[in-house]
């Protein structure tokens, strides 16, 4: 199912990808926004292809 790129509605990633990222990062403490960006980028690069394909 297609999803408009700027829709205020819930996107498929809200059900699959974001909870997985949230669970992995739960309990972590970040000192600044740059650290959050860096660590999130590392985590997203580690996800397997199937994890990301479930979003779309």
Protein backbone atom coordinates (compact mmCIF):
# COMPACT_ATOMS: atom_id res chain seq x y z
CA UNK A 1 0.00 0.00 0.00
CA UNK A 2 1.37 3.41 -0.95
CA UNK A 3 1.81 5.99 1.77
CA UNK A 4 2.04 9.73 1.06
CA UNK A 5 5.49 11.04 2.07
CA UNK A 6 4.19 13.96 4.15
CA UNK A 7 1.05 12.46 5.65
CA UNK A 8 0.31 13.21 9.32
CA UNK A 9 -1.13 9.70 9.60
CA UNK A 10 0.75 6.73 10.96
CA UNK A 11 3.37 5.34 8.57
CA UNK A 12 4.30 1.65 8.18
CA UNK A 13 7.67 2.32 9.88
CA UNK A 14 5.79 3.36 13.02
CA UNK A 15 4.77 -0.28 13.49
CA UNK A 16 7.93 -2.16 12.55
CA UNK A 17 11.13 -0.15 12.40
CA UNK A 18 10.72 2.45 15.14
CA UNK A 19 9.73 0.00 17.91
CA UNK A 20 12.75 -2.16 17.06
CA UNK A 21 15.08 0.87 17.27
CA UNK A 22 13.39 2.02 20.48
CA UNK A 23 13.83 -1.38 22.13
CA UNK A 24 17.51 -1.57 21.22
CA UNK A 25 18.20 1.97 22.48
CA UNK A 26 16.08 1.67 25.63
CA UNK A 27 17.99 2.64 28.75
CA UNK A 28 20.74 4.48 26.84
CA UNK A 29 21.72 8.00 27.87
CA UNK A 30 22.99 10.47 25.29
CA UNK A 31 24.78 13.68 26.20
CA UNK A 32 23.82 15.65 23.08
CA UNK A 33 21.88 15.53 19.84
CA UNK A 34 24.97 14.76 17.75
CA UNK A 35 25.57 11.61 19.79
CA UNK A 36 21.95 10.54 19.31
CA UNK A 37 22.28 11.03 15.55
CA UNK A 38 25.57 9.13 15.39
CA UNK A 39 24.36 6.17 17.46
CA UNK A 40 21.02 5.96 15.64
CA UNK A 41 22.82 5.95 12.29
CA UNK A 42 25.09 3.10 13.47
CA UNK A 43 22.08 1.12 14.65
CA UNK A 44 20.14 1.62 11.41
CA UNK A 45 23.15 0.46 9.38
CA UNK A 46 23.25 -2.77 11.44
CA UNK A 47 19.62 -3.68 10.79
CA UNK A 48 19.17 -6.50 8.35
CA UNK A 49 17.43 -6.01 5.03
CA UNK A 50 14.34 -7.93 6.16
CA UNK A 51 13.82 -5.56 9.10
CA UNK A 52 13.65 -2.61 6.75
CA UNK A 53 11.59 -4.36 4.06
CA UNK A 54 8.78 -4.95 6.57
CA UNK A 55 8.29 -1.17 6.68
CA UNK A 56 7.13 -0.94 3.09
